[in-house]
Amino acid sequence: MAKLYIHDKQLSNVTRTVVTNEHGHSLFLIVGRWGTQGDVLSLYCMNKTLVASIKQISLAFGSRFEIYENDKKVGTLQKIFNWPGDFYYIKQLNWSVHGDIHNHYYKIHHFNKKIMQMRKVAFVTGDYYLLEVPQSANIPTCICIAAIMDYWLYNRNRKKTMFYFNGRLSNSLD
């Protein structure tokens, strides 16, 4: 079982993010940007080979993301519902993502088979996401899914838009 570590809050930022193994060796580099339709986040091996990417495809009725491996689309991740827990689905892979996104704990299953488990762990060097992936062939897609979950968590409560109304500053949600 592969154990991968990603520094907390790095996936949703517009920064370069390094994915390491349990020995601290760098395995992957994530680069790109989020925020608007068409934005792409790319996952590279440390030898500069592109292994996977994520493309944001819609914003009007919720964000959806296409996941690519080796320039081939493997699935589209979309939110199904979020009560009592979060539930997401990747139709092309028949993978379900479920858990508690607020506490950084969720699992990916293909029917009864576990594909990945993610949880938050704390070390002296900071907080990290721990991704446990039983089959190494699933690692690139699982890292992409973890990035999307992080994006959805940290961008679901955006700042309220402020408007001037009759010379007064007010919230758009008032």
C-alpha atoms as a PDB file:
ATOM      1  CA  MET A   1       0.000   0.000   0.000  1.00  0.00           C
ATOM      2  CA  ALA A   2       1.378   3.380  -1.019  1.00  0.00           C
ATOM      3  CA  LYS A   3       1.330   6.152   1.578  1.00  0.00           C
ATOM      4  CA  LEU A   4       1.555   9.650   0.130  1.00  0.00           C
ATOM      5  CA  TYR A   5       1.846  12.951   1.987  1.00  0.00           C
ATOM      6  CA  ILE A   6       0.740  16.386   0.817  1.00  0.00           C
ATOM      7  CA  HIS A   7       1.175  19.511   2.931  1.00  0.00           C
ATOM      8  CA  ASP A   8      -2.172  20.818   4.233  1.00  0.00           C
ATOM      9  CA  LYS A   9      -3.842  23.618   2.222  1.00  0.00           C
ATOM     10  CA  GLN A  10      -1.304  23.412  -0.602  1.00  0.00           C
ATOM     11  CA  LEU A  11      -3.597  21.632  -3.057  1.00  0.00           C
ATOM     12  CA  SER A  12      -6.132  24.448  -3.286  1.00  0.00           C
ATOM     13  CA  ASN A  13      -3.521  27.206  -3.576  1.00  0.00           C
ATOM     14  CA  VAL A  14      -1.974  28.502  -6.765  1.00  0.00           C
ATOM     15  CA  THR A  15       1.439  27.163  -5.808  1.00  0.00           C
ATOM     16  CA  ARG A  16       3.624  24.254  -6.704  1.00  0.00           C
ATOM     17  CA  THR A  17       2.742  21.327  -4.490  1.00  0.00           C
ATOM     18  CA  VAL A  18       5.038  18.384  -3.816  1.00  0.00           C
ATOM     19  CA  VAL A  19       3.710  14.896  -3.046  1.00  0.00           C
ATOM     20  CA  THR A  20       6.104  12.766  -0.983  1.00  0.00           C
ATOM     21  CA  ASN A  21       6.250   9.199   0.290  1.00  0.00           C
ATOM     22  CA  GLU A  22       6.563   8.111   3.926  1.00  0.00           C
ATOM     23  CA  HIS A  23      10.358   8.538   3.743  1.00  0.00           C
ATOM     24  CA  GLY A  24      10.079  12.170   2.641  1.00  0.00           C
ATOM     25  CA  HIS A  25      11.176  11.514  -0.947  1.00  0.00           C
ATOM     26  CA  SER A  26       9.468  13.718  -3.544  1.00  0.00           C
ATOM     27  CA  LEU A  27       7.390  11.670  -5.999  1.00  0.00           C
ATOM     28  CA  PHE A  28       5.105  14.128  -7.788  1.00  0.00           C
ATOM     29  CA  LEU A  29       4.759  17.838  -8.470  1.00  0.00           C
ATOM     30  CA  ILE A  30       1.384  19.538  -8.919  1.00  0.00           C
ATOM     31  CA  VAL A  31       1.288  22.832 -10.844  1.00  0.00           C
ATOM     32  CA  GLY A  32      -1.454  24.966 -12.369  1.00  0.00           C
ATOM     33  CA  ARG A  33      -4.319  27.144 -11.231  1.00  0.00           C
ATOM     34  CA  TRP A  34      -7.964  26.989 -10.155  1.00  0.00           C
ATOM     35  CA  GLY A  35     -10.859  29.372 -10.218  1.00  0.00           C
ATOM     36  CA  THR A  36     -12.276  29.777 -13.706  1.00  0.00           C
ATOM     37  CA  GLN A  37     -13.725  27.453 -16.280  1.00  0.00           C
ATOM     38  CA  GLY A  38     -10.967  25.890 -18.360  1.00  0.00           C
ATOM     39  CA  ASP A  39      -8.278  26.146 -15.664  1.00  0.00           C
ATOM     40  CA  VAL A  40      -5.981  23.141 -15.469  1.00  0.00           C
ATOM     41  CA  LEU A  41      -3.953  21.557 -12.691  1.00  0.00           C
ATOM     42  CA  SER A  42      -1.229  19.138 -13.852  1.00  0.00           C
ATOM     43  CA  LEU A  43       0.477  16.286 -12.005  1.00  0.00           C
ATOM     44  CA  TYR A  44       4.059  15.497 -12.990  1.00  0.00           C
ATOM     45  CA  CYS A  45       6.461  12.785 -11.894  1.00  0.00           C
ATOM     46  CA  MET A  46       9.697  14.241 -10.613  1.00  0.00           C
ATOM     47  CA  ASN A  47      11.331  13.295 -13.944  1.00  0.00           C
ATOM     48  CA  LYS A  48       9.063  15.950 -15.578  1.00  0.00           C
ATOM     49  CA  THR A  49       6.679  13.427 -17.165  1.00  0.00           C
ATOM     50  CA  LEU A  50       3.034  14.541 -17.190  1.00  0.00           C
ATOM     51  CA  VAL A  51       0.990  11.710 -15.652  1.00  0.00           C
ATOM     52  CA  ALA A  52      -2.401  13.302 -14.931  1.00  0.00           C
ATOM     53  CA  SER A  53      -4.325  16.552 -15.085  1.00  0.00           C
ATOM     54  CA  ILE A  54      -7.580  18.098 -13.929  1.00  0.00           C
ATOM     55  CA  LYS A  55      -9.668  20.498 -15.990  1.00  0.00           C
ATOM     56  CA  GLN A  56     -12.416  22.631 -14.443  1.00  0.00           C
ATOM     57  CA  ILE A  57     -15.373  22.436 -16.830  1.00  0.00           C
ATOM     58  CA  SER A  58     -18.384  24.188 -15.329  1.00  0.00           C
ATOM     59  CA  LEU A  59     -19.274  26.882 -12.853  1.00  0.00           C
ATOM     60  CA  ALA A  60     -22.931  27.760 -13.465  1.00  0.00           C
ATOM     61  CA  PHE A  61     -24.566  24.866 -11.598  1.00  0.00           C
ATOM     62  CA  GLY A  62     -21.637  23.800  -9.460  1.00  0.00           C
ATOM     63  CA  SER A  63     -18.130  22.914 -10.428  1.00  0.00           C
ATOM     64  CA  ARG A  64     -17.310  19.712 -12.251  1.00  0.00           C
ATOM     65  CA  PHE A  65     -13.853  18.500 -13.037  1.00  0.00           C
ATOM     66  CA  GLU A  66     -12.555  16.233 -15.780  1.00  0.00           C
ATOM     67  CA  ILE A  67      -9.645  13.986 -14.813  1.00  0.00           C
ATOM     68  CA  TYR A  68      -7.091  12.914 -17.411  1.00  0.00           C
ATOM     69  CA  GLU A  69      -4.322  10.327 -17.233  1.00  0.00           C
ATOM     70  CA  ASN A  70      -1.703  10.328 -19.987  1.00  0.00           C
ATOM     71  CA  ASP A  71      -3.872  12.738 -22.045  1.00  0.00           C
ATOM     72  CA  LYS A  72      -6.858  10.355 -21.904  1.00  0.00           C
ATOM     73  CA  LYS A  73     -10.019  11.346 -20.038  1.00  0.00           C
ATOM     74  CA  VAL A  74     -10.682   8.821 -17.278  1.00  0.00           C
ATOM     75  CA  GLY A  75     -13.639  10.499 -15.587  1.00  0.00           C
ATOM     76  CA  THR A  76     -15.664  13.505 -14.529  1.00  0.00           C
ATOM     77  CA  LEU A  77     -16.011  14.196 -10.814  1.00  0.00           C
ATOM     78  CA  GLN A  78     -19.177  15.871  -9.626  1.00  0.00           C
ATOM     79  CA  LYS A  79     -20.890  16.416  -6.304  1.00  0.00           C
ATOM     80  CA  ILE A  80     -24.053  14.378  -5.831  1.00  0.00           C
ATOM     81  CA  PHE A  81     -25.134  15.570  -2.362  1.00  0.00           C
ATOM     82  CA  ASN A  82     -23.676  16.714   0.938  1.00  0.00           C
ATOM     83  CA  TRP A  83     -26.091  15.621   3.639  1.00  0.00           C
ATOM     84  CA  PRO A  84     -25.516  13.926   6.069  1.00  0.00           C
ATOM     85  CA  GLY A  85     -22.038  13.440   4.600  1.00  0.00           C
ATOM     86  CA  ASP A  86     -20.383  14.483   1.390  1.00  0.00           C
ATOM     87  CA  PHE A  87     -20.864  12.181  -1.597  1.00  0.00           C
ATOM     88  CA  TYR A  88     -19.231  12.534  -5.014  1.00  0.00           C
ATOM     89  CA  TYR A  89     -19.254  10.249  -8.017  1.00  0.00           C
ATOM     90  CA  ILE A  90     -17.032   9.517 -11.013  1.00  0.00           C
ATOM     91  CA  LYS A  91     -19.362   7.867 -13.507  1.00  0.00           C
ATOM     92  CA  GLN A  92     -16.764   6.581 -15.975  1.00  0.00           C
ATOM     93  CA  LEU A  93     -14.803   4.779 -13.231  1.00  0.00           C
ATOM     94  CA  ASN A  94     -17.812   3.857 -11.068  1.00  0.00           C
ATOM     95  CA  TRP A  95     -15.957   5.301  -8.101  1.00  0.00           C
ATOM     96  CA  SER A  96     -17.774   6.906  -5.193  1.00  0.00           C
ATOM     97  CA  VAL A  97     -16.081   9.427  -2.927  1.00  0.00           C
ATOM     98  CA  HIS A  98     -17.672   9.783   0.487  1.00  0.00           C
ATOM     99  CA  GLY A  99     -16.829  11.047   3.927  1.00  0.00           C
ATOM    100  CA  ASP A 100     -16.366  14.220   5.904  1.00  0.00           C
ATOM    101  CA  ILE A 101     -14.673  16.789   3.688  1.00  0.00           C
ATOM    102  CA  HIS A 102     -14.576  19.390   6.512  1.00  0.00           C
ATOM    103  CA  ASN A 103     -12.370  17.132   8.631  1.00  0.00           C
ATOM    104  CA  HIS A 104     -10.302  15.926   5.659  1.00  0.00           C
ATOM    105  CA  TYR A 105     -11.440  12.345   6.022  1.00  0.00           C
ATOM    106  CA  TYR A 106     -12.904  10.447   3.118  1.00  0.00           C
ATOM    107  CA  LYS A 107     -12.676   7.228   1.157  1.00  0.00           C
ATOM    108  CA  ILE A 108     -12.959   6.250  -2.472  1.00  0.00           C
ATOM    109  CA  HIS A 109     -14.625   2.955  -3.359  1.00  0.00           C
ATOM    110  CA  HIS A 110     -15.366   1.002  -6.504  1.00  0.00           C
ATOM    111  CA  PHE A 111     -18.397  -0.878  -5.227  1.00  0.00           C
ATOM    112  CA  ASN A 112     -16.947  -2.701  -2.142  1.00  0.00           C
ATOM    113  CA  LYS A 113     -13.287  -2.344  -3.132  1.00  0.00           C
ATOM    114  CA  LYS A 114     -11.347   0.442  -1.391  1.00  0.00           C
ATOM    115  CA  ILE A 115      -9.432   2.629  -3.867  1.00  0.00           C
ATOM    116  CA  MET A 116      -8.103   5.260  -1.437  1.00  0.00           C
ATOM    117  CA  GLN A 117      -8.459   6.614   2.063  1.00  0.00           C
ATOM    118  CA  MET A 118      -7.454  10.154   2.996  1.00  0.00           C
ATOM    119  CA  ARG A 119      -7.059  11.671   6.432  1.00  0.00           C
ATOM    120  CA  LYS A 120      -5.206  14.523   8.055  1.00  0.00           C
ATOM    121  CA  VAL A 121      -2.090  13.835  10.115  1.00  0.00           C
ATOM    122  CA  ALA A 122       0.089  16.159  12.186  1.00  0.00           C
ATOM    123  CA  PHE A 123       3.867  16.185  12.350  1.00  0.00           C
ATOM    124  CA  VAL A 124       6.401  18.576  13.853  1.00  0.00           C
ATOM    125  CA  THR A 125       6.851  20.034  10.351  1.00  0.00           C
ATOM    126  CA  GLY A 126       3.128  20.770   9.990  1.00  0.00           C
ATOM    127  CA  ASP A 127      -0.192  19.231   9.021  1.00  0.00           C
ATOM    128  CA  TYR A 128      -0.382  16.879   6.056  1.00  0.00           C
ATOM    129  CA  TYR A 129      -2.926  14.873   4.124  1.00  0.00           C
ATOM    130  CA  LEU A 130      -2.157  11.166   4.173  1.00  0.00           C
ATOM    131  CA  LEU A 131      -3.371   9.311   1.103  1.00  0.00           C
ATOM    132  CA  GLU A 132      -3.352   5.527   1.412  1.00  0.00           C
ATOM    133  CA  VAL A 133      -3.690   3.872  -1.984  1.00  0.00           C
ATOM    134  CA  PRO A 134      -3.647   0.041  -2.156  1.00  0.00           C
ATOM    135  CA  GLN A 135      -2.943  -0.167  -5.922  1.00  0.00           C
ATOM    136  CA  SER A 136      -0.163   1.999  -7.324  1.00  0.00           C
ATOM    137  CA  ALA A 137      -1.913   2.257 -10.716  1.00  0.00           C
ATOM    138  CA  ASN A 138      -4.596   4.412  -9.038  1.00  0.00           C
ATOM    139  CA  ILE A 139      -2.172   6.921  -7.498  1.00  0.00           C
ATOM    140  CA  PRO A 140      -2.360   9.689 -10.169  1.00  0.00           C
ATOM    141  CA  THR A 141      -6.173   9.707 -10.249  1.00  0.00           C
ATOM    142  CA  CYS A 142      -6.368   9.590  -6.444  1.00  0.00           C
ATOM    143  CA  ILE A 143      -4.039  12.588  -6.119  1.00  0.00           C
ATOM    144  CA  CYS A 144      -6.238  14.474  -8.589  1.00  0.00           C
ATOM    145  CA  ILE A 145      -9.359  13.629  -6.583  1.00  0.00           C
ATOM    146  CA  ALA A 146      -7.662  14.786  -3.366  1.00  0.00           C
ATOM    147  CA  ALA A 147      -6.842  18.104  -5.070  1.00  0.00           C
ATOM    148  CA  ILE A 148     -10.459  18.566  -6.150  1.00  0.00           C
ATOM    149  CA  MET A 149     -11.751  17.776  -2.644  1.00  0.00           C
ATOM    150  CA  ASP A 150      -9.350  20.332  -1.190  1.00  0.00           C
ATOM    151  CA  TYR A 151     -10.477  22.919  -3.737  1.00  0.00           C
ATOM    152  CA  TRP A 152     -14.147  22.313  -2.932  1.00  0.00           C
ATOM    153  CA  LEU A 153     -13.527  22.552   0.799  1.00  0.00           C
ATOM    154  CA  TYR A 154     -11.609  25.823   0.756  1.00  0.00           C
ATOM    155  CA  ASN A 155     -13.687  27.491  -1.961  1.00  0.00           C
ATOM    156  CA  ARG A 156     -17.215  26.575  -0.875  1.00  0.00           C
ATOM    157  CA  ASN A 157     -17.500  29.489   1.559  1.00  0.00           C
ATOM    158  CA  ARG A 158     -16.252  32.366  -0.520  1.00  0.00           C
ATOM    159  CA  LYS A 159     -16.290  35.873   0.841  1.00  0.00           C
ATOM    160  CA  LYS A 160     -19.630  37.587   0.581  1.00  0.00           C
ATOM    161  CA  THR A 161     -19.899  40.112  -2.190  1.00  0.00           C
ATOM    162  CA  MET A 162     -20.286  43.661  -0.944  1.00  0.00           C
ATOM    163  CA  PHE A 163     -22.541  46.203  -2.666  1.00  0.00           C
ATOM    164  CA  TYR A 164     -23.189  49.889  -2.242  1.00  0.00           C
ATOM    165  CA  PHE A 165     -26.898  50.539  -1.881  1.00  0.00           C
ATOM    166  CA  ASN A 166     -28.228  54.050  -1.272  1.00  0.00           C
ATOM    167  CA  GLY A 167     -24.761  55.204  -0.231  1.00  0.00           C
ATOM    168  CA  ARG A 168     -24.431  52.370   2.296  1.00  0.00           C
ATOM    169  CA  LEU A 169     -22.181  49.330   2.194  1.00  0.00           C
ATOM    170  CA  SER A 170     -24.189  46.117   2.556  1.00  0.00           C
ATOM    171  CA  ASN A 171     -23.760  42.366   2.181  1.00  0.00           C
ATOM    172  CA  SER A 172     -25.223  40.687  -0.882  1.00  0.00           C
ATOM    173  CA  LEU A 173     -26.812  38.061   1.350  1.00  0.00           C
ATOM    174  CA  ASP A 174     -28.577  40.449   3.737  1.00  0.00           C
END
